[in-house]
């Protein structure tokens, strides 16, 4: 699954977690750009991403996910190992 395939599901997870327009979420989006993307929001986002992609994220994965670009990369790597 390429980054372009992962991004729409990540955008949907942002919509489900933070109730924001999915199209406003880009690879450059960071926590500073999203209201409520704090530590609690980050855990909720992680749970939504796990459900959307049917993967498990560990603490190191969550710590690395500081931007949408990094989220997409972590998920792409998880999915590549899953195959």
PDB file of N, CA and C in Angstrom:
ATOM      1  N   UNK A   1       0.850  -1.172   0.000  1.00  0.00           N
ATOM      2  CA  UNK A   1       0.000   0.000   0.000  1.00  0.00           C
ATOM      3  C   UNK A   1       0.902   1.243   0.000  1.00  0.00           C
ATOM      4  N   UNK A   2       0.699   2.124  -0.951  1.00  0.00           N
ATOM      5  CA  UNK A   2       1.543   3.313  -1.062  1.00  0.00           C
ATOM      6  C   UNK A   2       1.053   4.411  -0.128  1.00  0.00           C
ATOM      7  N   UNK A   3       1.894   5.429   0.045  1.00  0.00           N
ATOM      8  CA  UNK A   3       1.516   6.562   0.883  1.00  0.00           C
ATOM      9  C   UNK A   3       0.223   7.203   0.393  1.00  0.00           C
ATOM     10  N   UNK A   4       0.032   7.236  -0.920  1.00  0.00           N
ATOM     11  CA  UNK A   4      -1.185   7.832  -1.478  1.00  0.00           C
ATOM     12  C   UNK A   4      -2.424   7.012  -1.145  1.00  0.00           C
ATOM     13  N   UNK A   5      -2.251   5.721  -0.929  1.00  0.00           N
ATOM     14  CA  UNK A   5      -3.366   4.861  -0.525  1.00  0.00           C
ATOM     15  C   UNK A   5      -3.655   4.986   0.973  1.00  0.00           C
ATOM     16  N   UNK A   6      -2.617   5.267   1.754  1.00  0.00           N
ATOM     17  CA  UNK A   6      -2.746   5.364   3.206  1.00  0.00           C
ATOM     18  C   UNK A   6      -3.366   6.701   3.611  1.00  0.00           C
ATOM     19  N   UNK A   7      -2.998   7.774   2.937  1.00  0.00           N
ATOM     20  CA  UNK A   7      -3.422   9.119   3.334  1.00  0.00           C
ATOM     21  C   UNK A   7      -4.938   9.282   3.472  1.00  0.00           C
ATOM     22  N   UNK A   8      -5.773   8.809   2.542  1.00  0.00           N
ATOM     23  CA  UNK A   8      -7.223   9.002   2.721  1.00  0.00           C
ATOM     24  C   UNK A   8      -7.780   8.372   4.003  1.00  0.00           C
ATOM     25  N   UNK A   9      -7.269   7.213   4.374  1.00  0.00           N
ATOM     26  CA  UNK A   9      -7.729   6.589   5.619  1.00  0.00           C
ATOM     27  C   UNK A   9      -7.237   7.362   6.838  1.00  0.00           C
ATOM     28  N   UNK A  10      -6.045   7.921   6.746  1.00  0.00           N
ATOM     29  CA  UNK A  10      -5.526   8.765   7.825  1.00  0.00           C
ATOM     30  C   UNK A  10      -6.395  10.017   7.940  1.00  0.00           C
ATOM     31  N   UNK A  11      -6.734  10.601   6.809  1.00  0.00           N
ATOM     32  CA  UNK A  11      -7.607  11.779   6.817  1.00  0.00           C
ATOM     33  C   UNK A  11      -8.955  11.450   7.449  1.00  0.00           C
ATOM     34  N   UNK A  12      -9.498  10.285   7.143  1.00  0.00           N
ATOM     35  CA  UNK A  12     -10.776   9.862   7.731  1.00  0.00           C
ATOM     36  C   UNK A  12     -10.643   9.671   9.238  1.00  0.00           C
ATOM     37  N   UNK A  13      -9.509   9.150   9.690  1.00  0.00           N
ATOM     38  CA  UNK A  13      -9.278   8.980  11.125  1.00  0.00           C
ATOM     39  C   UNK A  13      -9.194  10.337  11.819  1.00  0.00           C
ATOM     40  N   UNK A  14      -8.586  11.316  11.162  1.00  0.00           N
ATOM     41  CA  UNK A  14      -8.547  12.674  11.718  1.00  0.00           C
ATOM     42  C   UNK A  14      -9.950  13.245  11.817  1.00  0.00           C
ATOM     43  N   UNK A  15     -10.764  12.992  10.802  1.00  0.00           N
ATOM     44  CA  UNK A  15     -12.146  13.464  10.828  1.00  0.00           C
ATOM     45  C   UNK A  15     -12.911  12.818  11.980  1.00  0.00           C
ATOM     46  N   UNK A  16     -12.743  11.519  12.154  1.00  0.00           N
ATOM     47  CA  UNK A  16     -13.444  10.804  13.225  1.00  0.00           C
ATOM     48  C   UNK A  16     -12.966  11.243  14.608  1.00  0.00           C
ATOM     49  N   UNK A  17     -11.679  11.553  14.723  1.00  0.00           N
ATOM     50  CA  UNK A  17     -11.104  11.902  16.020  1.00  0.00           C
ATOM     51  C   UNK A  17     -11.338  13.367  16.388  1.00  0.00           C
ATOM     52  N   UNK A  18     -11.104  14.246  15.422  1.00  0.00           N
ATOM     53  CA  UNK A  18     -11.096  15.680  15.716  1.00  0.00           C
ATOM     54  C   UNK A  18     -12.229  16.462  15.045  1.00  0.00           C
ATOM     55  N   UNK A  19     -13.075  15.768  14.272  1.00  0.00           N
ATOM     56  CA  UNK A  19     -14.196  16.402  13.585  1.00  0.00           C
ATOM     57  C   UNK A  19     -13.737  17.575  12.723  1.00  0.00           C
ATOM     58  N   UNK A  20     -12.704  17.314  11.908  1.00  0.00           N
ATOM     59  CA  UNK A  20     -12.210  18.338  10.985  1.00  0.00           C
ATOM     60  C   UNK A  20     -12.352  17.825   9.557  1.00  0.00           C
ATOM     61  N   UNK A  21     -12.359  18.761   8.629  1.00  0.00           N
ATOM     62  CA  UNK A  21     -12.478  18.428   7.209  1.00  0.00           C
ATOM     63  C   UNK A  21     -11.288  17.556   6.799  1.00  0.00           C
ATOM     64  N   UNK A  22     -11.541  16.358   6.306  1.00  0.00           N
ATOM     65  CA  UNK A  22     -10.434  15.475   5.916  1.00  0.00           C
ATOM     66  C   UNK A  22      -9.511  16.103   4.869  1.00  0.00           C
ATOM     67  N   UNK A  23     -10.069  16.923   3.984  1.00  0.00           N
ATOM     68  CA  UNK A  23      -9.246  17.532   2.937  1.00  0.00           C
ATOM     69  C   UNK A  23      -8.264  18.564   3.484  1.00  0.00           C
ATOM     70  N   UNK A  24      -8.499  19.022   4.731  1.00  0.00           N
ATOM     71  CA  UNK A  24      -7.570  19.987   5.333  1.00  0.00           C
ATOM     72  C   UNK A  24      -6.347  19.289   5.928  1.00  0.00           C
ATOM     73  N   UNK A  25      -6.376  17.974   5.969  1.00  0.00           N
ATOM     74  CA  UNK A  25      -5.266  17.193   6.524  1.00  0.00           C
ATOM     75  C   UNK A  25      -4.326  16.820   5.382  1.00  0.00           C
ATOM     76  N   UNK A  26      -3.087  17.355   5.448  1.00  0.00           N
ATOM     77  CA  UNK A  26      -2.089  17.082   4.413  1.00  0.00           C
ATOM     78  C   UNK A  26      -0.883  16.391   5.036  1.00  0.00           C
ATOM     79  N   UNK A  27       0.040  15.986   4.225  1.00  0.00           N
ATOM     80  CA  UNK A  27       1.250  15.324   4.719  1.00  0.00           C
ATOM     81  C   UNK A  27       2.053  16.250   5.634  1.00  0.00           C
ATOM     82  N   UNK A  28       1.857  17.551   5.508  1.00  0.00           N
ATOM     83  CA  UNK A  28       2.602  18.521   6.307  1.00  0.00           C
ATOM     84  C   UNK A  28       1.893  18.888   7.613  1.00  0.00           C
ATOM     85  N   UNK A  29       0.665  18.413   7.827  1.00  0.00           N
ATOM     86  CA  UNK A  29      -0.104  18.757   9.024  1.00  0.00           C
ATOM     87  C   UNK A  29       0.587  18.233  10.282  1.00  0.00           C
ATOM     88  N   UNK A  30       0.662  19.112  11.306  1.00  0.00           N
ATOM     89  CA  UNK A  30       1.240  18.741  12.602  1.00  0.00           C
ATOM     90  C   UNK A  30       0.212  19.009  13.700  1.00  0.00           C
ATOM     91  N   UNK A  31       0.559  18.637  14.908  1.00  0.00           N
ATOM     92  CA  UNK A  31      -0.337  18.850  16.045  1.00  0.00           C
ATOM     93  C   UNK A  31      -0.667  20.333  16.234  1.00  0.00           C
ATOM     94  N   UNK A  32       0.258  21.202  15.884  1.00  0.00           N
ATOM     95  CA  UNK A  32       0.010  22.643  16.010  1.00  0.00           C
ATOM     96  C   UNK A  32      -1.092  23.123  15.082  1.00  0.00           C
ATOM     97  N   UNK A  33      -1.390  22.370  14.039  1.00  0.00           N
ATOM     98  CA  UNK A  33      -2.399  22.756  13.048  1.00  0.00           C
ATOM     99  C   UNK A  33      -3.798  22.251  13.389  1.00  0.00           C
ATOM    100  N   UNK A  34      -3.915  21.347  14.350  1.00  0.00           N
ATOM    101  CA  UNK A  34      -5.188  20.676  14.623  1.00  0.00           C
ATOM    102  C   UNK A  34      -5.637  20.940  16.067  1.00  0.00           C
ATOM    103  N   UNK A  35      -6.779  21.621  16.229  1.00  0.00           N
ATOM    104  CA  UNK A  35      -7.287  21.818  17.586  1.00  0.00           C
ATOM    105  C   UNK A  35      -7.549  20.456  18.253  1.00  0.00           C
ATOM    106  N   UNK A  36      -7.219  20.364  19.507  1.00  0.00           N
ATOM    107  CA  UNK A  36      -7.445  19.170  20.331  1.00  0.00           C
ATOM    108  C   UNK A  36      -6.479  18.026  20.033  1.00  0.00           C
ATOM    109  N   UNK A  37      -5.486  18.243  19.149  1.00  0.00           N
ATOM    110  CA  UNK A  37      -4.475  17.201  18.964  1.00  0.00           C
ATOM    111  C   UNK A  37      -3.443  17.380  20.073  1.00  0.00           C
ATOM    112  N   UNK A  38      -3.850  16.986  21.267  1.00  0.00           N
ATOM    113  CA  UNK A  38      -2.982  17.002  22.431  1.00  0.00           C
ATOM    114  C   UNK A  38      -2.695  15.547  22.805  1.00  0.00           C
ATOM    115  N   UNK A  39      -2.209  15.309  24.009  1.00  0.00           N
ATOM    116  CA  UNK A  39      -1.846  13.931  24.369  1.00  0.00           C
ATOM    117  C   UNK A  39      -3.054  13.000  24.376  1.00  0.00           C
ATOM    118  N   UNK A  40      -4.185  13.473  24.880  1.00  0.00           N
ATOM    119  CA  UNK A  40      -5.388  12.630  24.900  1.00  0.00           C
ATOM    120  C   UNK A  40      -5.914  12.440  23.475  1.00  0.00           C
ATOM    121  N   UNK A  41      -5.932  13.502  22.691  1.00  0.00           N
ATOM    122  CA  UNK A  41      -6.351  13.397  21.293  1.00  0.00           C
ATOM    123  C   UNK A  41      -5.454  12.470  20.502  1.00  0.00           C
ATOM    124  N   UNK A  42      -4.170  12.483  20.827  1.00  0.00           N
ATOM    125  CA  UNK A  42      -3.213  11.626  20.129  1.00  0.00           C
ATOM    126  C   UNK A  42      -3.525  10.154  20.389  1.00  0.00           C
ATOM    127  N   UNK A  43      -3.887   9.837  21.625  1.00  0.00           N
ATOM    128  CA  UNK A  43      -4.249   8.441  21.941  1.00  0.00           C
ATOM    129  C   UNK A  43      -5.529   8.033  21.215  1.00  0.00           C
ATOM    130  N   UNK A  44      -6.498   8.935  21.155  1.00  0.00           N
ATOM    131  CA  UNK A  44      -7.742   8.649  20.422  1.00  0.00           C
ATOM    132  C   UNK A  44      -7.463   8.464  18.937  1.00  0.00           C
ATOM    133  N   UNK A  45      -6.602   9.310  18.395  1.00  0.00           N
ATOM    134  CA  UNK A  45      -6.224   9.182  16.989  1.00  0.00           C
ATOM    135  C   UNK A  45      -5.549   7.836  16.753  1.00  0.00           C
ATOM    136  N   UNK A  46      -4.638   7.461  17.650  1.00  0.00           N
ATOM    137  CA  UNK A  46      -3.965   6.166  17.517  1.00  0.00           C
ATOM    138  C   UNK A  46      -4.950   5.010  17.509  1.00  0.00           C
ATOM    139  N   UNK A  47      -5.944   5.068  18.382  1.00  0.00           N
ATOM    140  CA  UNK A  47      -6.962   4.008  18.427  1.00  0.00           C
ATOM    141  C   UNK A  47      -7.759   3.966  17.129  1.00  0.00           C
ATOM    142  N   UNK A  48      -8.111   5.122  16.591  1.00  0.00           N
ATOM    143  CA  UNK A  48      -8.848   5.160  15.322  1.00  0.00           C
ATOM    144  C   UNK A  48      -7.993   4.654  14.165  1.00  0.00           C
ATOM    145  N   UNK A  49      -6.713   4.968  14.188  1.00  0.00           N
ATOM    146  CA  UNK A  49      -5.815   4.466  13.139  1.00  0.00           C
ATOM    147  C   UNK A  49      -5.661   2.950  13.237  1.00  0.00           C
ATOM    148  N   UNK A  50      -5.533   2.430  14.444  1.00  0.00           N
ATOM    149  CA  UNK A  50      -5.438   0.973  14.618  1.00  0.00           C
ATOM    150  C   UNK A  50      -6.667   0.281  14.053  1.00  0.00           C
ATOM    151  N   UNK A  51      -7.825   0.842  14.320  1.00  0.00           N
ATOM    152  CA  UNK A  51      -9.074   0.245  13.829  1.00  0.00           C
ATOM    153  C   UNK A  51      -9.169   0.359  12.306  1.00  0.00           C
ATOM    154  N   UNK A  52      -8.840   1.514  11.763  1.00  0.00           N
ATOM    155  CA  UNK A  52      -8.970   1.737  10.320  1.00  0.00           C
ATOM    156  C   UNK A  52      -8.045   0.831   9.509  1.00  0.00           C
ATOM    157  N   UNK A  53      -6.833   0.597  10.029  1.00  0.00           N
ATOM    158  CA  UNK A  53      -5.840  -0.162   9.271  1.00  0.00           C
ATOM    159  C   UNK A  53      -5.663  -1.597   9.779  1.00  0.00           C
ATOM    160  N   UNK A  54      -6.394  -1.940  10.858  1.00  0.00           N
ATOM    161  CA  UNK A  54      -6.281  -3.266  11.461  1.00  0.00           C
ATOM    162  C   UNK A  54      -4.836  -3.602  11.801  1.00  0.00           C
ATOM    163  N   UNK A  55      -4.198  -2.664  12.523  1.00  0.00           N
ATOM    164  CA  UNK A  55      -2.818  -2.821  12.980  1.00  0.00           C
ATOM    165  C   UNK A  55      -2.762  -2.504  14.466  1.00  0.00           C
ATOM    166  N   UNK A  56      -1.621  -2.802  15.078  1.00  0.00           N
ATOM    167  CA  UNK A  56      -1.359  -2.409  16.459  1.00  0.00           C
ATOM    168  C   UNK A  56      -0.205  -1.421  16.465  1.00  0.00           C
ATOM    169  N   UNK A  57      -0.383  -0.349  17.198  1.00  0.00           N
ATOM    170  CA  UNK A  57       0.664   0.651  17.339  1.00  0.00           C
ATOM    171  C   UNK A  57       1.220   0.563  18.753  1.00  0.00           C
ATOM    172  N   UNK A  58       2.551   0.540  18.875  1.00  0.00           N
ATOM    173  CA  UNK A  58       3.143   0.522  20.207  1.00  0.00           C
ATOM    174  C   UNK A  58       3.526   1.949  20.614  1.00  0.00           C
ATOM    175  N   UNK A  59       4.037   2.093  21.806  1.00  0.00           N
ATOM    176  CA  UNK A  59       4.370   3.415  22.340  1.00  0.00           C
ATOM    177  C   UNK A  59       5.382   4.126  21.445  1.00  0.00           C
ATOM    178  N   UNK A  60       6.387   3.400  20.949  1.00  0.00           N
ATOM    179  CA  UNK A  60       7.388   4.014  20.073  1.00  0.00           C
ATOM    180  C   UNK A  60       6.750   4.546  18.795  1.00  0.00           C
ATOM    181  N   UNK A  61       5.799   3.791  18.234  1.00  0.00           N
ATOM    182  CA  UNK A  61       5.093   4.256  17.039  1.00  0.00           C
ATOM    183  C   UNK A  61       4.362   5.558  17.336  1.00  0.00           C
ATOM    184  N   UNK A  62       3.621   5.575  18.439  1.00  0.00           N
ATOM    185  CA  UNK A  62       2.846   6.760  18.794  1.00  0.00           C
ATOM    186  C   UNK A  62       3.750   7.964  19.042  1.00  0.00           C
ATOM    187  N   UNK A  63       4.895   7.757  19.667  1.00  0.00           N
ATOM    188  CA  UNK A  63       5.830   8.847  19.945  1.00  0.00           C
ATOM    189  C   UNK A  63       6.404   9.427  18.643  1.00  0.00           C
ATOM    190  N   UNK A  64       6.557   8.584  17.645  1.00  0.00           N
ATOM    191  CA  UNK A  64       7.131   9.004  16.368  1.00  0.00           C
ATOM    192  C   UNK A  64       6.140   9.801  15.521  1.00  0.00           C
ATOM    193  N   UNK A  65       4.868   9.635  15.773  1.00  0.00           N
ATOM    194  CA  UNK A  65       3.811  10.217  14.943  1.00  0.00           C
ATOM    195  C   UNK A  65       3.561  11.680  15.288  1.00  0.00           C
ATOM    196  N   UNK A  66       4.484  12.553  14.891  1.00  0.00           N
ATOM    197  CA  UNK A  66       4.391  13.974  15.195  1.00  0.00           C
ATOM    198  C   UNK A  66       3.764  14.789  14.077  1.00  0.00           C
ATOM    199  N   UNK A  67       3.579  14.180  12.927  1.00  0.00           N
ATOM    200  CA  UNK A  67       2.957  14.855  11.781  1.00  0.00           C
ATOM    201  C   UNK A  67       2.233  13.806  10.957  1.00  0.00           C
ATOM    202  N   UNK A  68       1.389  14.266  10.057  1.00  0.00           N
ATOM    203  CA  UNK A  68       0.669  13.331   9.194  1.00  0.00           C
ATOM    204  C   UNK A  68       1.657  12.556   8.326  1.00  0.00           C
ATOM    205  N   UNK A  69       2.689  13.220   7.842  1.00  0.00           N
ATOM    206  CA  UNK A  69       3.697  12.532   7.032  1.00  0.00           C
ATOM    207  C   UNK A  69       4.337  11.378   7.786  1.00  0.00           C
ATOM    208  N   UNK A  70       4.662  11.603   9.068  1.00  0.00           N
ATOM    209  CA  UNK A  70       5.259  10.538   9.874  1.00  0.00           C
ATOM    210  C   UNK A  70       4.242   9.446  10.179  1.00  0.00           C
ATOM    211  N   UNK A  71       2.985   9.828  10.381  1.00  0.00           N
ATOM    212  CA  UNK A  71       1.931   8.834  10.608  1.00  0.00           C
ATOM    213  C   UNK A  71       1.809   7.921   9.397  1.00  0.00           C
ATOM    214  N   UNK A  72       1.772   8.514   8.214  1.00  0.00           N
ATOM    215  CA  UNK A  72       1.649   7.737   6.981  1.00  0.00           C
ATOM    216  C   UNK A  72       2.841   6.789   6.831  1.00  0.00           C
ATOM    217  N   UNK A  73       4.045   7.280   7.146  1.00  0.00           N
ATOM    218  CA  UNK A  73       5.240   6.443   7.017  1.00  0.00           C
ATOM    219  C   UNK A  73       5.189   5.259   7.985  1.00  0.00           C
ATOM    220  N   UNK A  74       4.832   5.521   9.252  1.00  0.00           N
ATOM    221  CA  UNK A  74       4.763   4.444  10.251  1.00  0.00           C
ATOM    222  C   UNK A  74       3.730   3.400   9.830  1.00  0.00           C
ATOM    223  N   UNK A  75       2.568   3.862   9.391  1.00  0.00           N
ATOM    224  CA  UNK A  75       1.513   2.927   8.983  1.00  0.00           C
ATOM    225  C   UNK A  75       1.929   2.145   7.746  1.00  0.00           C
ATOM    226  N   UNK A  76       2.544   2.810   6.777  1.00  0.00           N
ATOM    227  CA  UNK A  76       3.009   2.112   5.569  1.00  0.00           C
ATOM    228  C   UNK A  76       4.000   1.015   5.923  1.00  0.00           C
ATOM    229  N   UNK A  77       4.910   1.311   6.869  1.00  0.00           N
ATOM    230  CA  UNK A  77       5.886   0.301   7.292  1.00  0.00           C
ATOM    231  C   UNK A  77       5.203  -0.862   7.992  1.00  0.00           C
ATOM    232  N   UNK A  78       4.209  -0.566   8.843  1.00  0.00           N
ATOM    233  CA  UNK A  78       3.464  -1.631   9.533  1.00  0.00           C
ATOM    234  C   UNK A  78       2.744  -2.521   8.522  1.00  0.00           C
ATOM    235  N   UNK A  79       2.101  -1.893   7.543  1.00  0.00           N
ATOM    236  CA  UNK A  79       1.361  -2.658   6.549  1.00  0.00           C
ATOM    237  C   UNK A  79       2.267  -3.504   5.679  1.00  0.00           C
ATOM    238  N   UNK A  80       3.471  -2.997   5.381  1.00  0.00           N
ATOM    239  CA  UNK A  80       4.422  -3.763   4.573  1.00  0.00           C
ATOM    240  C   UNK A  80       4.887  -5.004   5.330  1.00  0.00           C
ATOM    241  N   UNK A  81       5.033  -4.907   6.639  1.00  0.00           N
ATOM    242  CA  UNK A  81       5.455  -6.061   7.452  1.00  0.00           C
ATOM    243  C   UNK A  81       4.330  -7.063   7.615  1.00  0.00           C
ATOM    244  N   UNK A  82       3.085  -6.568   7.523  1.00  0.00           N
ATOM    245  CA  UNK A  82       1.905  -7.401   7.724  1.00  0.00           C
ATOM    246  C   UNK A  82       1.677  -8.367   6.560  1.00  0.00           C
ATOM    247  N   UNK A  83       2.132  -8.011   5.393  1.00  0.00           N
ATOM    248  CA  UNK A  83       1.877  -8.802   4.184  1.00  0.00           C
ATOM    249  C   UNK A  83       2.691 -10.061   4.151  1.00  0.00           C
TER     250      UNK A  83
END
